[in-house]
């Protein structure tokens, strides 16, 4: 799998578009695939248009993967990762952690240290 830096100039571009521009962009022959991060409702619209145009797609909708801390975790590392993954971009990024699942054996220590870091 390629990372963004592996692509040649003009081969990979981020395009920030208004909803009125989406259909024209998707129908452009130069556009070969669409990756969309955003709401489920907008994802449905874009998926429909990509299907009609037979474009490859990848969607990240909602981003609700759990942040899980197991009993054998390094709690200091877990707290740092939890803090960064929740507070990234002031909490306004699709990739921010939203659901925390902490095993009971380490819950109080994790909770205490995370609240200490936040405050």
C-alpha atoms as a PDB file:
ATOM      1  CA  UNK A   1       0.000   0.000   0.000  1.00  0.00           C
ATOM      2  CA  UNK A   2       1.347   3.427  -0.930  1.00  0.00           C
ATOM      3  CA  UNK A   3       1.585   6.346   1.464  1.00  0.00           C
ATOM      4  CA  UNK A   4       0.909   9.863   0.210  1.00  0.00           C
ATOM      5  CA  UNK A   5       4.639  10.544  -0.156  1.00  0.00           C
ATOM      6  CA  UNK A   6       5.013   7.563  -2.541  1.00  0.00           C
ATOM      7  CA  UNK A   7       2.829   9.167  -5.219  1.00  0.00           C
ATOM      8  CA  UNK A   8       4.198  11.319  -8.034  1.00  0.00           C
ATOM      9  CA  UNK A   9       3.285  14.982  -8.414  1.00  0.00           C
ATOM     10  CA  UNK A  10      -0.409  15.338  -9.237  1.00  0.00           C
ATOM     11  CA  UNK A  11      -1.044  11.620  -8.752  1.00  0.00           C
ATOM     12  CA  UNK A  12      -2.671  12.080  -5.337  1.00  0.00           C
ATOM     13  CA  UNK A  13      -4.509  15.233  -4.261  1.00  0.00           C
ATOM     14  CA  UNK A  14      -6.724  16.279  -1.385  1.00  0.00           C
ATOM     15  CA  UNK A  15      -9.708  18.172  -2.716  1.00  0.00           C
ATOM     16  CA  UNK A  16     -11.943  20.148  -0.393  1.00  0.00           C
ATOM     17  CA  UNK A  17     -15.221  20.751  -2.193  1.00  0.00           C
ATOM     18  CA  UNK A  18     -18.680  22.135  -1.593  1.00  0.00           C
ATOM     19  CA  UNK A  19     -21.628  19.792  -2.086  1.00  0.00           C
ATOM     20  CA  UNK A  20     -22.541  21.584  -5.323  1.00  0.00           C
ATOM     21  CA  UNK A  21     -19.138  20.609  -6.800  1.00  0.00           C
ATOM     22  CA  UNK A  22     -19.166  16.922  -5.870  1.00  0.00           C
ATOM     23  CA  UNK A  23     -21.029  15.478  -8.863  1.00  0.00           C
ATOM     24  CA  UNK A  24     -18.835  17.304 -11.388  1.00  0.00           C
ATOM     25  CA  UNK A  25     -15.683  16.195  -9.591  1.00  0.00           C
ATOM     26  CA  UNK A  26     -16.782  12.565  -9.405  1.00  0.00           C
ATOM     27  CA  UNK A  27     -17.738  12.543 -13.096  1.00  0.00           C
ATOM     28  CA  UNK A  28     -14.386  14.026 -14.170  1.00  0.00           C
ATOM     29  CA  UNK A  29     -12.415  11.344 -16.069  1.00  0.00           C
ATOM     30  CA  UNK A  30      -9.182  12.397 -14.334  1.00  0.00           C
ATOM     31  CA  UNK A  31     -10.560  11.407 -10.928  1.00  0.00           C
ATOM     32  CA  UNK A  32      -9.901   7.698 -10.470  1.00  0.00           C
ATOM     33  CA  UNK A  33     -10.949   7.148  -6.855  1.00  0.00           C
ATOM     34  CA  UNK A  34     -12.630   8.914  -3.939  1.00  0.00           C
ATOM     35  CA  UNK A  35     -11.759   8.770  -0.241  1.00  0.00           C
ATOM     36  CA  UNK A  36     -14.314  10.540   1.901  1.00  0.00           C
ATOM     37  CA  UNK A  37     -14.169  11.390   5.606  1.00  0.00           C
ATOM     38  CA  UNK A  38     -17.329  12.834   7.061  1.00  0.00           C
ATOM     39  CA  UNK A  39     -20.940  12.263   7.930  1.00  0.00           C
ATOM     40  CA  UNK A  40     -22.947   9.172   7.040  1.00  0.00           C
ATOM     41  CA  UNK A  41     -25.567  11.281   5.241  1.00  0.00           C
ATOM     42  CA  UNK A  42     -23.003  12.923   2.955  1.00  0.00           C
ATOM     43  CA  UNK A  43     -21.264   9.572   2.537  1.00  0.00           C
ATOM     44  CA  UNK A  44     -24.480   8.059   1.162  1.00  0.00           C
ATOM     45  CA  UNK A  45     -24.788  10.823  -1.419  1.00  0.00           C
ATOM     46  CA  UNK A  46     -21.165  10.498  -2.502  1.00  0.00           C
ATOM     47  CA  UNK A  47     -21.373   6.683  -2.590  1.00  0.00           C
ATOM     48  CA  UNK A  48     -24.392   6.888  -4.898  1.00  0.00           C
ATOM     49  CA  UNK A  49     -22.640   9.267  -7.277  1.00  0.00           C
ATOM     50  CA  UNK A  50     -19.445   7.180  -7.226  1.00  0.00           C
ATOM     51  CA  UNK A  51     -21.457   4.048  -7.970  1.00  0.00           C
ATOM     52  CA  UNK A  52     -23.086   5.656 -10.997  1.00  0.00           C
ATOM     53  CA  UNK A  53     -19.665   6.804 -12.228  1.00  0.00           C
ATOM     54  CA  UNK A  54     -17.982   3.459 -11.334  1.00  0.00           C
ATOM     55  CA  UNK A  55     -15.303   5.139  -9.170  1.00  0.00           C
ATOM     56  CA  UNK A  56     -13.299   3.280  -6.534  1.00  0.00           C
ATOM     57  CA  UNK A  57     -14.187   4.506  -3.049  1.00  0.00           C
ATOM     58  CA  UNK A  58     -13.056   4.442   0.538  1.00  0.00           C
ATOM     59  CA  UNK A  59     -15.161   5.973   3.303  1.00  0.00           C
ATOM     60  CA  UNK A  60     -14.549   6.896   6.918  1.00  0.00           C
ATOM     61  CA  UNK A  61     -17.937   7.729   8.348  1.00  0.00           C
ATOM     62  CA  UNK A  62     -18.458   8.620  11.974  1.00  0.00           C
ATOM     63  CA  UNK A  63     -15.163   7.234  13.272  1.00  0.00           C
ATOM     64  CA  UNK A  64     -16.392   5.484  16.394  1.00  0.00           C
ATOM     65  CA  UNK A  65     -13.699   2.880  16.908  1.00  0.00           C
ATOM     66  CA  UNK A  66     -13.169   2.211  20.570  1.00  0.00           C
ATOM     67  CA  UNK A  67     -10.056   3.232  22.501  1.00  0.00           C
ATOM     68  CA  UNK A  68      -9.424   0.109  24.586  1.00  0.00           C
ATOM     69  CA  UNK A  69      -7.134  -0.194  27.597  1.00  0.00           C
ATOM     70  CA  UNK A  70      -6.448  -3.729  28.783  1.00  0.00           C
ATOM     71  CA  UNK A  71      -5.282  -4.810  32.224  1.00  0.00           C
ATOM     72  CA  UNK A  72      -1.686  -5.338  31.096  1.00  0.00           C
ATOM     73  CA  UNK A  73      -1.335  -1.890  29.471  1.00  0.00           C
ATOM     74  CA  UNK A  74       1.304   0.638  30.425  1.00  0.00           C
ATOM     75  CA  UNK A  75      -1.113   3.141  31.960  1.00  0.00           C
ATOM     76  CA  UNK A  76       1.119   6.177  31.526  1.00  0.00           C
ATOM     77  CA  UNK A  77       1.461   5.418  27.805  1.00  0.00           C
ATOM     78  CA  UNK A  78      -2.278   4.698  27.526  1.00  0.00           C
ATOM     79  CA  UNK A  79      -3.155   8.014  29.197  1.00  0.00           C
ATOM     80  CA  UNK A  80      -0.843   9.941  26.859  1.00  0.00           C
ATOM     81  CA  UNK A  81      -2.293   8.204  23.790  1.00  0.00           C
ATOM     82  CA  UNK A  82      -5.865   8.727  25.035  1.00  0.00           C
ATOM     83  CA  UNK A  83      -5.260  12.407  25.692  1.00  0.00           C
ATOM     84  CA  UNK A  84      -3.721  13.051  22.270  1.00  0.00           C
ATOM     85  CA  UNK A  85      -6.270  10.942  20.392  1.00  0.00           C
ATOM     86  CA  UNK A  86      -9.201  12.722  22.051  1.00  0.00           C
ATOM     87  CA  UNK A  87      -7.841  16.286  22.088  1.00  0.00           C
ATOM     88  CA  UNK A  88      -6.282  16.326  18.598  1.00  0.00           C
ATOM     89  CA  UNK A  89      -7.500  19.416  16.745  1.00  0.00           C
ATOM     90  CA  UNK A  90      -9.535  20.459  19.798  1.00  0.00           C
ATOM     91  CA  UNK A  91     -11.595  17.275  19.469  1.00  0.00           C
ATOM     92  CA  UNK A  92     -12.853  18.276  16.022  1.00  0.00           C
ATOM     93  CA  UNK A  93     -11.246  15.560  13.903  1.00  0.00           C
ATOM     94  CA  UNK A  94     -12.996  12.527  12.463  1.00  0.00           C
ATOM     95  CA  UNK A  95     -10.237  10.310  13.835  1.00  0.00           C
ATOM     96  CA  UNK A  96     -10.578  11.433  17.466  1.00  0.00           C
ATOM     97  CA  UNK A  97     -11.228   8.759  20.085  1.00  0.00           C
ATOM     98  CA  UNK A  98     -14.824   8.971  21.284  1.00  0.00           C
ATOM     99  CA  UNK A  99     -15.526   5.713  23.103  1.00  0.00           C
ATOM    100  CA  UNK A 100     -13.213   4.525  25.845  1.00  0.00           C
ATOM    101  CA  UNK A 101     -13.360   0.945  27.082  1.00  0.00           C
ATOM    102  CA  UNK A 102     -11.156   0.368  30.107  1.00  0.00           C
ATOM    103  CA  UNK A 103     -10.820  -2.982  31.870  1.00  0.00           C
ATOM    104  CA  UNK A 104     -11.912  -2.788  35.498  1.00  0.00           C
ATOM    105  CA  UNK A 105      -8.519  -3.697  37.008  1.00  0.00           C
ATOM    106  CA  UNK A 106      -6.903  -0.533  35.594  1.00  0.00           C
ATOM    107  CA  UNK A 107      -9.968   1.708  35.349  1.00  0.00           C
ATOM    108  CA  UNK A 108      -9.405   3.847  38.467  1.00  0.00           C
ATOM    109  CA  UNK A 109      -5.701   4.409  37.787  1.00  0.00           C
ATOM    110  CA  UNK A 110      -6.401   5.298  34.148  1.00  0.00           C
ATOM    111  CA  UNK A 111      -9.288   7.583  35.068  1.00  0.00           C
ATOM    112  CA  UNK A 112      -7.296   9.374  37.770  1.00  0.00           C
ATOM    113  CA  UNK A 113      -4.254   9.945  35.548  1.00  0.00           C
ATOM    114  CA  UNK A 114      -6.316  11.032  32.537  1.00  0.00           C
ATOM    115  CA  UNK A 115      -8.327  13.540  34.584  1.00  0.00           C
ATOM    116  CA  UNK A 116      -5.085  14.806  36.129  1.00  0.00           C
ATOM    117  CA  UNK A 117      -3.646  15.368  32.647  1.00  0.00           C
ATOM    118  CA  UNK A 118      -6.782  17.099  31.381  1.00  0.00           C
ATOM    119  CA  UNK A 119      -6.948  19.429  34.366  1.00  0.00           C
END
